[in-house]
């Protein structure tokens, strides 16, 4: 059986076989409708905020999407893109409105790049303010 690196790391830290089994069971056991509804709700309701780094927010969003897909639900790539754009904070409005023909996996890289640019610009402004003081 193949498990992700993250899951493997968690399993190594567990002390008993029962702990390991319960953890694997929650990940790989077939999901019922209520569990699928819960994972889908968690994805739909997730909203990023400006205080967290975008990379961290994207990782959280991706984990929520993976949970939905692992539960057995299929989400069309266009809906994935819409859910990701809807999760962006209001400050990303301009970015959100310019992403008509891009699909979800391709959308993640420009988000990370734009966030890095914003962080660099913010750091540059802080340095300028410190120089003036």
C-alpha atoms as a PDB file:
ATOM      1  CA  UNK A   1       0.000   0.000   0.000  1.00  0.00           C
ATOM      2  CA  UNK A   2       1.325   3.437  -0.907  1.00  0.00           C
ATOM      3  CA  UNK A   3       0.745   6.360   1.458  1.00  0.00           C
ATOM      4  CA  UNK A   4       1.756   9.980   1.047  1.00  0.00           C
ATOM      5  CA  UNK A   5       4.898  11.305   2.720  1.00  0.00           C
ATOM      6  CA  UNK A   6       2.762  13.356   5.097  1.00  0.00           C
ATOM      7  CA  UNK A   7       0.744  10.314   6.144  1.00  0.00           C
ATOM      8  CA  UNK A   8       3.883   8.209   6.455  1.00  0.00           C
ATOM      9  CA  UNK A   9       5.447  10.818   8.730  1.00  0.00           C
ATOM     10  CA  UNK A  10       2.346  10.868  10.950  1.00  0.00           C
ATOM     11  CA  UNK A  11       2.311   7.072  11.128  1.00  0.00           C
ATOM     12  CA  UNK A  12       5.957   6.972  12.242  1.00  0.00           C
ATOM     13  CA  UNK A  13       5.102   9.196  15.204  1.00  0.00           C
ATOM     14  CA  UNK A  14       2.292   6.936  16.406  1.00  0.00           C
ATOM     15  CA  UNK A  15       3.013   4.416  19.130  1.00  0.00           C
ATOM     16  CA  UNK A  16       0.422   1.678  18.640  1.00  0.00           C
ATOM     17  CA  UNK A  17      -0.907  -0.276  15.701  1.00  0.00           C
ATOM     18  CA  UNK A  18      -4.429   0.753  16.714  1.00  0.00           C
ATOM     19  CA  UNK A  19      -3.542   4.431  16.377  1.00  0.00           C
ATOM     20  CA  UNK A  20      -2.076   3.766  12.947  1.00  0.00           C
ATOM     21  CA  UNK A  21      -5.066   1.738  11.842  1.00  0.00           C
ATOM     22  CA  UNK A  22      -7.558   4.380  12.986  1.00  0.00           C
ATOM     23  CA  UNK A  23      -5.616   7.090  11.166  1.00  0.00           C
ATOM     24  CA  UNK A  24      -5.448   5.051   7.938  1.00  0.00           C
ATOM     25  CA  UNK A  25      -9.102   4.150   8.298  1.00  0.00           C
ATOM     26  CA  UNK A  26     -10.163   7.798   8.422  1.00  0.00           C
ATOM     27  CA  UNK A  27      -8.185   8.474   5.278  1.00  0.00           C
ATOM     28  CA  UNK A  28      -9.003   5.449   3.134  1.00  0.00           C
ATOM     29  CA  UNK A  29     -12.322   4.066   4.368  1.00  0.00           C
ATOM     30  CA  UNK A  30     -15.181   4.552   1.929  1.00  0.00           C
ATOM     31  CA  UNK A  31     -17.110   7.686   2.786  1.00  0.00           C
ATOM     32  CA  UNK A  32     -20.832   7.879   3.430  1.00  0.00           C
ATOM     33  CA  UNK A  33     -23.032  10.725   2.224  1.00  0.00           C
ATOM     34  CA  UNK A  34     -22.777  12.653   5.496  1.00  0.00           C
ATOM     35  CA  UNK A  35     -18.973  12.509   5.449  1.00  0.00           C
ATOM     36  CA  UNK A  36     -18.915  13.611   1.816  1.00  0.00           C
ATOM     37  CA  UNK A  37     -21.235  16.504   2.638  1.00  0.00           C
ATOM     38  CA  UNK A  38     -18.980  17.533   5.528  1.00  0.00           C
ATOM     39  CA  UNK A  39     -15.789  17.524   3.429  1.00  0.00           C
ATOM     40  CA  UNK A  40     -17.498  19.382   0.593  1.00  0.00           C
ATOM     41  CA  UNK A  41     -18.888  21.981   3.016  1.00  0.00           C
ATOM     42  CA  UNK A  42     -15.403  22.514   4.472  1.00  0.00           C
ATOM     43  CA  UNK A  43     -14.043  23.227   0.976  1.00  0.00           C
ATOM     44  CA  UNK A  44     -16.897  25.501  -0.087  1.00  0.00           C
ATOM     45  CA  UNK A  45     -16.835  27.506   3.157  1.00  0.00           C
ATOM     46  CA  UNK A  46     -13.050  27.974   3.292  1.00  0.00           C
ATOM     47  CA  UNK A  47     -12.052  31.626   2.922  1.00  0.00           C
ATOM     48  CA  UNK A  48      -8.463  32.798   2.765  1.00  0.00           C
ATOM     49  CA  UNK A  49      -7.460  35.917   4.663  1.00  0.00           C
ATOM     50  CA  UNK A  50      -4.818  38.566   4.097  1.00  0.00           C
ATOM     51  CA  UNK A  51      -3.035  37.827   7.384  1.00  0.00           C
ATOM     52  CA  UNK A  52      -1.926  34.344   6.290  1.00  0.00           C
ATOM     53  CA  UNK A  53       0.662  33.791   3.549  1.00  0.00           C
ATOM     54  CA  UNK A  54      -1.031  32.768   0.306  1.00  0.00           C
ATOM     55  CA  UNK A  55       1.143  29.646   0.084  1.00  0.00           C
ATOM     56  CA  UNK A  56      -0.191  28.478   3.439  1.00  0.00           C
ATOM     57  CA  UNK A  57      -3.775  29.258   2.402  1.00  0.00           C
ATOM     58  CA  UNK A  58      -3.326  27.389  -0.875  1.00  0.00           C
ATOM     59  CA  UNK A  59      -1.995  24.349   0.989  1.00  0.00           C
ATOM     60  CA  UNK A  60      -5.017  24.359   3.291  1.00  0.00           C
ATOM     61  CA  UNK A  61      -7.372  24.768   0.314  1.00  0.00           C
ATOM     62  CA  UNK A  62      -5.595  21.955  -1.575  1.00  0.00           C
ATOM     63  CA  UNK A  63      -5.919  19.623   1.435  1.00  0.00           C
ATOM     64  CA  UNK A  64      -9.636  20.370   1.623  1.00  0.00           C
ATOM     65  CA  UNK A  65     -10.007  19.686  -2.115  1.00  0.00           C
ATOM     66  CA  UNK A  66      -8.034  16.440  -1.746  1.00  0.00           C
ATOM     67  CA  UNK A  67     -10.327  15.358   1.102  1.00  0.00           C
ATOM     68  CA  UNK A  68     -13.348  15.886  -1.136  1.00  0.00           C
ATOM     69  CA  UNK A  69     -11.770  13.933  -3.994  1.00  0.00           C
ATOM     70  CA  UNK A  70     -10.622  11.117  -1.690  1.00  0.00           C
ATOM     71  CA  UNK A  71     -14.173  10.870  -0.338  1.00  0.00           C
ATOM     72  CA  UNK A  72     -15.234   9.781  -3.810  1.00  0.00           C
ATOM     73  CA  UNK A  73     -16.810  12.990  -5.070  1.00  0.00           C
ATOM     74  CA  UNK A  74     -15.762  14.246  -8.474  1.00  0.00           C
ATOM     75  CA  UNK A  75     -15.417  17.983  -8.997  1.00  0.00           C
ATOM     76  CA  UNK A  76     -15.093  19.312 -12.536  1.00  0.00           C
ATOM     77  CA  UNK A  77     -11.947  21.423 -13.042  1.00  0.00           C
ATOM     78  CA  UNK A  78     -14.013  24.537 -13.811  1.00  0.00           C
ATOM     79  CA  UNK A  79     -15.840  24.195 -10.481  1.00  0.00           C
ATOM     80  CA  UNK A  80     -12.488  23.684  -8.730  1.00  0.00           C
ATOM     81  CA  UNK A  81     -11.307  26.966 -10.253  1.00  0.00           C
ATOM     82  CA  UNK A  82     -14.479  28.762  -9.176  1.00  0.00           C
ATOM     83  CA  UNK A  83     -14.146  27.430  -5.623  1.00  0.00           C
ATOM     84  CA  UNK A  84     -10.506  28.534  -5.463  1.00  0.00           C
ATOM     85  CA  UNK A  85     -11.315  32.015  -6.766  1.00  0.00           C
ATOM     86  CA  UNK A  86     -14.222  32.288  -4.317  1.00  0.00           C
ATOM     87  CA  UNK A  87     -11.863  31.419  -1.441  1.00  0.00           C
ATOM     88  CA  UNK A  88      -9.549  34.346  -2.222  1.00  0.00           C
ATOM     89  CA  UNK A  89      -9.770  37.393   0.051  1.00  0.00           C
ATOM     90  CA  UNK A  90     -11.490  40.532  -1.215  1.00  0.00           C
ATOM     91  CA  UNK A  91      -8.098  42.217  -1.732  1.00  0.00           C
ATOM     92  CA  UNK A  92      -7.507  39.787  -4.634  1.00  0.00           C
ATOM     93  CA  UNK A  93     -10.590  41.048  -6.522  1.00  0.00           C
ATOM     94  CA  UNK A  94      -8.609  42.264  -9.567  1.00  0.00           C
ATOM     95  CA  UNK A  95      -6.786  38.951  -9.870  1.00  0.00           C
ATOM     96  CA  UNK A  96     -10.046  37.047  -9.480  1.00  0.00           C
ATOM     97  CA  UNK A  97     -11.783  38.975 -12.277  1.00  0.00           C
ATOM     98  CA  UNK A  98      -8.926  38.413 -14.766  1.00  0.00           C
ATOM     99  CA  UNK A  99      -8.933  34.592 -14.648  1.00  0.00           C
ATOM    100  CA  UNK A 100     -11.564  33.595 -17.189  1.00  0.00           C
ATOM    101  CA  UNK A 101      -9.823  30.952 -19.291  1.00  0.00           C
ATOM    102  CA  UNK A 102      -7.390  29.445 -16.771  1.00  0.00           C
ATOM    103  CA  UNK A 103      -8.066  26.083 -15.116  1.00  0.00           C
ATOM    104  CA  UNK A 104      -7.463  25.388 -11.433  1.00  0.00           C
ATOM    105  CA  UNK A 105      -4.007  23.716 -11.370  1.00  0.00           C
ATOM    106  CA  UNK A 106      -2.584  26.428 -13.637  1.00  0.00           C
ATOM    107  CA  UNK A 107      -4.152  29.141 -11.466  1.00  0.00           C
ATOM    108  CA  UNK A 108      -2.194  28.195  -8.335  1.00  0.00           C
ATOM    109  CA  UNK A 109       1.238  29.243  -9.673  1.00  0.00           C
ATOM    110  CA  UNK A 110       0.206  32.813 -10.623  1.00  0.00           C
ATOM    111  CA  UNK A 111      -1.327  33.171  -7.158  1.00  0.00           C
ATOM    112  CA  UNK A 112       1.963  32.242  -5.523  1.00  0.00           C
ATOM    113  CA  UNK A 113       3.953  34.565  -7.814  1.00  0.00           C
ATOM    114  CA  UNK A 114       1.635  37.515  -7.245  1.00  0.00           C
ATOM    115  CA  UNK A 115       1.766  36.933  -3.496  1.00  0.00           C
ATOM    116  CA  UNK A 116       5.575  36.961  -3.577  1.00  0.00           C
ATOM    117  CA  UNK A 117       5.491  40.252  -5.494  1.00  0.00           C
ATOM    118  CA  UNK A 118       3.100  41.740  -2.920  1.00  0.00           C
ATOM    119  CA  UNK A 119       5.339  40.578  -0.072  1.00  0.00           C
ATOM    120  CA  UNK A 120       8.455  42.046  -1.721  1.00  0.00           C
ATOM    121  CA  UNK A 121       6.680  45.340  -2.375  1.00  0.00           C
ATOM    122  CA  UNK A 122       5.481  45.434   1.236  1.00  0.00           C
ATOM    123  CA  UNK A 123       8.995  44.705   2.539  1.00  0.00           C
ATOM    124  CA  UNK A 124      10.429  47.384   0.255  1.00  0.00           C
ATOM    125  CA  UNK A 125       7.919  49.906   1.610  1.00  0.00           C
ATOM    126  CA  UNK A 126       8.817  48.950   5.183  1.00  0.00           C
ATOM    127  CA  UNK A 127      12.520  49.466   4.441  1.00  0.00           C
ATOM    128  CA  UNK A 128      11.794  52.882   2.922  1.00  0.00           C
ATOM    129  CA  UNK A 129       9.726  53.897   5.954  1.00  0.00           C
ATOM    130  CA  UNK A 130      12.479  52.737   8.324  1.00  0.00           C
ATOM    131  CA  UNK A 131      15.048  54.742   6.332  1.00  0.00           C
ATOM    132  CA  UNK A 132      12.916  57.883   6.708  1.00  0.00           C
ATOM    133  CA  UNK A 133      12.656  57.498  10.488  1.00  0.00           C
END
